[in-house]
Each structure stands twice: as structure tokens, then as C-alpha cells.
């Protein structure tokens, strides 16, 4: 799967699971060329998401919600994931 297709899949899964008010997924894989973790073909991504689903949740709970939404992509397509997850009022 190309990194563009991965970005689209990440956006789709997070939108379906968390109905975000705002979502940006950035492919940062090009910054990690030659990095040992990048050799297996999985990507490095940044996720910036705002969702009502995060209201009253701790940072760790928000991250777990994202990992759960992404499911097996975390082991098959994503090597590294940087997350900024906030509720709309933050």
C-alpha cells in the first residue's frame, strides 16, 4: 500500500470511529529514510485530531481510542504515530 493510500485509510478509520470536528493526517515517512524502523516499509505519520469523543478523557485514553480505531494498521502499515488529540473546547 502506498503512503498516500495509508493516509486515506487512517483518515477513513478515524472519521468512522471518532467523528472528528477536525482531522489532519501527515505522512512524515520521508523524514525517516534510512532509519532502521523504516526499512520494513511501514510509515511514519502525524495525526492531529479534534473530537467530542475525547471530552473528559485522559491523554492515554485518547491515544488508546486512536490505536483501537486504527486496529491492525498499527502492526501492518504504521511504524510510528505522533498524536495530538483534543476535545473541541481545548
N, C-alpha and C. Protein backbone atom coordinates (compact mmCIF):
# COMPACT_ATOMS: atom_id res chain seq x y z
N UNK A 1 0.85 -1.17 0.00
CA UNK A 1 0.00 0.00 0.00
C UNK A 1 0.90 1.23 0.00
N UNK A 2 0.58 2.20 -0.82
CA UNK A 2 1.35 3.44 -0.85
C UNK A 2 1.06 4.26 0.41
N UNK A 3 1.97 5.18 0.71
CA UNK A 3 1.74 6.02 1.89
C UNK A 3 0.53 6.92 1.72
N UNK A 4 0.23 7.36 0.49
CA UNK A 4 -0.98 8.15 0.26
C UNK A 4 -2.22 7.33 0.57
N UNK A 5 -2.22 6.06 0.17
CA UNK A 5 -3.35 5.17 0.47
C UNK A 5 -3.44 4.93 1.97
N UNK A 6 -2.31 4.87 2.65
CA UNK A 6 -2.32 4.71 4.11
C UNK A 6 -2.93 5.94 4.78
N UNK A 7 -2.56 7.12 4.31
CA UNK A 7 -3.13 8.35 4.86
C UNK A 7 -4.65 8.34 4.71
N UNK A 8 -5.12 7.98 3.53
CA UNK A 8 -6.57 7.92 3.28
C UNK A 8 -7.25 6.89 4.16
N UNK A 9 -6.62 5.74 4.38
CA UNK A 9 -7.19 4.70 5.23
C UNK A 9 -7.23 5.16 6.69
N UNK A 10 -6.15 5.80 7.15
CA UNK A 10 -6.12 6.33 8.52
C UNK A 10 -7.24 7.35 8.70
N UNK A 11 -7.38 8.27 7.74
CA UNK A 11 -8.45 9.27 7.81
C UNK A 11 -9.82 8.60 7.86
N UNK A 12 -10.03 7.61 7.04
CA UNK A 12 -11.32 6.91 6.99
C UNK A 12 -11.63 6.21 8.31
N UNK A 13 -10.67 5.48 8.84
CA UNK A 13 -10.89 4.74 10.10
C UNK A 13 -11.15 5.69 11.26
N UNK A 14 -10.38 6.77 11.36
CA UNK A 14 -10.57 7.72 12.46
C UNK A 14 -11.88 8.48 12.32
N UNK A 15 -12.26 8.82 11.11
CA UNK A 15 -13.53 9.51 10.88
C UNK A 15 -14.70 8.61 11.27
N UNK A 16 -14.63 7.36 10.88
CA UNK A 16 -15.70 6.41 11.20
C UNK A 16 -15.83 6.19 12.70
N UNK A 17 -14.71 6.05 13.39
CA UNK A 17 -14.73 5.72 14.81
C UNK A 17 -14.96 6.92 15.72
N UNK A 18 -14.45 8.10 15.33
CA UNK A 18 -14.43 9.22 16.27
C UNK A 18 -15.17 10.47 15.80
N UNK A 19 -15.72 10.48 14.61
CA UNK A 19 -16.47 11.62 14.07
C UNK A 19 -15.79 12.95 14.40
N UNK A 20 -14.57 13.14 13.96
CA UNK A 20 -13.84 14.35 14.35
C UNK A 20 -14.42 15.64 13.76
N UNK A 21 -14.28 16.71 14.53
CA UNK A 21 -14.61 18.04 14.03
C UNK A 21 -13.50 18.52 13.11
N UNK A 22 -12.31 18.01 13.36
CA UNK A 22 -11.13 18.37 12.57
C UNK A 22 -10.16 17.20 12.59
N UNK A 23 -9.55 16.92 11.43
CA UNK A 23 -8.60 15.81 11.32
C UNK A 23 -7.57 16.13 10.25
N UNK A 24 -6.31 16.03 10.63
CA UNK A 24 -5.20 16.17 9.69
C UNK A 24 -4.28 14.98 9.90
N UNK A 25 -3.96 14.28 8.80
CA UNK A 25 -3.02 13.18 8.85
C UNK A 25 -1.88 13.53 7.90
N UNK A 26 -0.67 13.58 8.45
CA UNK A 26 0.51 13.93 7.65
C UNK A 26 1.43 12.74 7.53
N UNK A 27 1.89 12.46 6.33
CA UNK A 27 2.87 11.42 6.09
C UNK A 27 4.26 12.02 6.32
N UNK A 28 4.94 11.55 7.33
CA UNK A 28 6.28 12.04 7.66
C UNK A 28 7.36 11.00 7.33
N UNK A 29 7.01 9.99 6.57
CA UNK A 29 7.92 8.89 6.27
C UNK A 29 9.21 9.37 5.61
N UNK A 30 9.11 10.39 4.78
CA UNK A 30 10.29 10.89 4.06
C UNK A 30 11.37 11.41 5.02
N UNK A 31 10.98 11.77 6.23
CA UNK A 31 11.93 12.27 7.21
C UNK A 31 12.71 11.15 7.88
N UNK A 32 12.32 9.92 7.62
CA UNK A 32 12.90 8.77 8.31
C UNK A 32 13.59 7.79 7.37
N UNK A 33 13.87 8.22 6.16
CA UNK A 33 14.58 7.36 5.20
C UNK A 33 15.90 6.92 5.82
N UNK A 34 16.19 5.62 5.71
CA UNK A 34 17.42 5.08 6.26
C UNK A 34 17.33 4.71 7.72
N UNK A 35 16.27 5.14 8.40
CA UNK A 35 16.04 4.80 9.80
C UNK A 35 15.73 3.30 9.87
N UNK A 36 16.32 2.57 10.81
CA UNK A 36 16.09 1.12 10.87
C UNK A 36 14.60 0.74 10.89
N UNK A 37 13.78 1.51 11.56
CA UNK A 37 12.36 1.20 11.63
C UNK A 37 11.62 1.44 10.34
N UNK A 38 12.22 2.18 9.42
CA UNK A 38 11.55 2.49 8.15
C UNK A 38 11.86 1.45 7.08
N UNK A 39 12.80 0.58 7.35
CA UNK A 39 13.24 -0.39 6.34
C UNK A 39 12.18 -1.43 6.00
N UNK A 40 11.25 -1.67 6.90
CA UNK A 40 10.23 -2.69 6.64
C UNK A 40 9.07 -2.16 5.80
N UNK A 41 9.13 -0.88 5.41
CA UNK A 41 8.12 -0.33 4.52
C UNK A 41 6.94 0.32 5.21
N UNK A 42 6.85 0.20 6.53
CA UNK A 42 5.76 0.87 7.24
C UNK A 42 6.07 2.36 7.35
N UNK A 43 5.03 3.17 7.56
CA UNK A 43 5.19 4.61 7.53
C UNK A 43 5.22 5.29 8.88
N UNK A 44 5.64 6.54 8.85
CA UNK A 44 5.64 7.44 9.99
C UNK A 44 4.60 8.52 9.73
N UNK A 45 3.66 8.70 10.67
CA UNK A 45 2.56 9.63 10.44
C UNK A 45 2.31 10.50 11.66
N UNK A 46 1.83 11.72 11.41
CA UNK A 46 1.35 12.62 12.45
C UNK A 46 -0.17 12.69 12.32
N UNK A 47 -0.87 12.60 13.45
CA UNK A 47 -2.32 12.74 13.47
C UNK A 47 -2.66 13.91 14.40
N UNK A 48 -3.41 14.85 13.86
CA UNK A 48 -3.91 15.99 14.64
C UNK A 48 -5.43 15.90 14.55
N UNK A 49 -6.07 15.63 15.68
CA UNK A 49 -7.50 15.34 15.66
C UNK A 49 -8.21 16.06 16.81
N UNK A 50 -9.39 16.59 16.50
CA UNK A 50 -10.26 17.22 17.49
C UNK A 50 -11.60 16.49 17.39
N UNK A 51 -12.06 15.96 18.53
CA UNK A 51 -13.31 15.20 18.53
C UNK A 51 -14.02 15.32 19.87
N UNK A 52 -15.35 15.38 19.84
CA UNK A 52 -16.15 15.35 21.06
C UNK A 52 -15.93 14.05 21.83
N UNK A 53 -15.54 13.00 21.13
CA UNK A 53 -15.31 11.70 21.77
C UNK A 53 -14.20 11.78 22.82
N UNK A 54 -13.35 12.81 22.75
CA UNK A 54 -12.24 12.94 23.69
C UNK A 54 -12.61 13.74 24.94
N UNK A 55 -13.80 14.31 24.95
CA UNK A 55 -14.21 15.14 26.08
C UNK A 55 -14.16 14.33 27.39
N UNK A 56 -13.44 14.85 28.38
CA UNK A 56 -13.34 14.20 29.67
C UNK A 56 -12.39 13.01 29.72
N UNK A 57 -11.68 12.74 28.64
CA UNK A 57 -10.77 11.59 28.57
C UNK A 57 -9.33 12.06 28.81
N UNK A 58 -8.55 11.20 29.43
CA UNK A 58 -7.13 11.48 29.63
C UNK A 58 -6.38 11.32 28.31
N UNK A 59 -5.18 11.83 28.27
CA UNK A 59 -4.35 11.69 27.07
C UNK A 59 -4.16 10.23 26.71
N UNK A 60 -3.86 9.39 27.67
CA UNK A 60 -3.64 7.97 27.39
C UNK A 60 -4.91 7.32 26.85
N UNK A 61 -6.06 7.69 27.37
CA UNK A 61 -7.33 7.14 26.88
C UNK A 61 -7.58 7.58 25.44
N UNK A 62 -7.26 8.82 25.14
CA UNK A 62 -7.43 9.33 23.77
C UNK A 62 -6.54 8.56 22.79
N UNK A 63 -5.30 8.33 23.20
CA UNK A 63 -4.38 7.58 22.34
C UNK A 63 -4.87 6.15 22.15
N UNK A 64 -5.36 5.54 23.20
CA UNK A 64 -5.89 4.17 23.09
C UNK A 64 -7.08 4.12 22.14
N UNK A 65 -7.92 5.14 22.17
CA UNK A 65 -9.07 5.20 21.27
C UNK A 65 -8.59 5.25 19.81
N UNK A 66 -7.54 6.01 19.57
CA UNK A 66 -6.99 6.11 18.22
C UNK A 66 -6.37 4.79 17.80
N UNK A 67 -5.58 4.18 18.67
CA UNK A 67 -4.97 2.88 18.35
C UNK A 67 -6.04 1.84 18.06
N UNK A 68 -7.10 1.84 18.86
CA UNK A 68 -8.20 0.89 18.64
C UNK A 68 -8.86 1.14 17.29
N UNK A 69 -9.08 2.40 16.95
CA UNK A 69 -9.72 2.72 15.67
C UNK A 69 -8.84 2.26 14.49
N UNK A 70 -7.53 2.38 14.64
CA UNK A 70 -6.62 2.01 13.56
C UNK A 70 -6.38 0.50 13.48
N UNK A 71 -6.67 -0.20 14.56
CA UNK A 71 -6.61 -1.65 14.56
C UNK A 71 -5.30 -2.21 14.04
N UNK A 72 -5.42 -3.16 13.11
CA UNK A 72 -4.24 -3.88 12.63
C UNK A 72 -3.27 -2.99 11.83
N UNK A 73 -3.72 -1.81 11.39
CA UNK A 73 -2.79 -0.91 10.70
C UNK A 73 -1.59 -0.57 11.58
N UNK A 74 -1.79 -0.60 12.90
CA UNK A 74 -0.70 -0.28 13.82
C UNK A 74 0.44 -1.29 13.71
N UNK A 75 0.16 -2.49 13.26
CA UNK A 75 1.21 -3.50 13.13
C UNK A 75 1.59 -3.79 11.69
N UNK A 76 0.71 -3.44 10.76
CA UNK A 76 0.99 -3.77 9.36
C UNK A 76 1.44 -2.59 8.51
N UNK A 77 1.03 -1.37 8.85
CA UNK A 77 1.28 -0.22 7.99
C UNK A 77 1.93 0.98 8.69
N UNK A 78 1.84 1.03 10.01
CA UNK A 78 2.32 2.20 10.74
C UNK A 78 3.50 1.80 11.62
N UNK A 79 4.64 2.43 11.39
CA UNK A 79 5.80 2.20 12.26
C UNK A 79 5.79 3.18 13.43
N UNK A 80 5.47 4.45 13.14
CA UNK A 80 5.46 5.48 14.18
C UNK A 80 4.27 6.40 13.97
N UNK A 81 3.65 6.78 15.10
CA UNK A 81 2.47 7.64 15.04
C UNK A 81 2.60 8.73 16.10
N UNK A 82 2.66 9.97 15.66
CA UNK A 82 2.66 11.11 16.57
C UNK A 82 1.22 11.61 16.66
N UNK A 83 0.71 11.79 17.88
CA UNK A 83 -0.70 12.11 18.07
C UNK A 83 -0.89 13.40 18.85
N UNK A 84 -1.75 14.26 18.32
CA UNK A 84 -2.28 15.41 19.05
C UNK A 84 -3.80 15.21 19.03
N UNK A 85 -4.38 14.89 20.19
CA UNK A 85 -5.82 14.60 20.26
C UNK A 85 -6.45 15.48 21.33
N UNK A 86 -7.42 16.30 20.89
CA UNK A 86 -8.06 17.23 21.81
C UNK A 86 -9.57 17.22 21.63
N UNK A 87 -10.26 17.65 22.69
CA UNK A 87 -11.70 17.89 22.61
C UNK A 87 -11.88 19.30 22.02
N UNK A 88 -13.04 19.60 21.45
CA UNK A 88 -13.25 20.90 20.80
C UNK A 88 -13.02 22.11 21.69
N UNK A 89 -13.22 22.00 22.98
CA UNK A 89 -13.10 23.16 23.87
C UNK A 89 -11.69 23.37 24.42
N UNK A 90 -10.73 22.65 23.92
CA UNK A 90 -9.36 22.78 24.43
C UNK A 90 -8.54 23.73 23.59
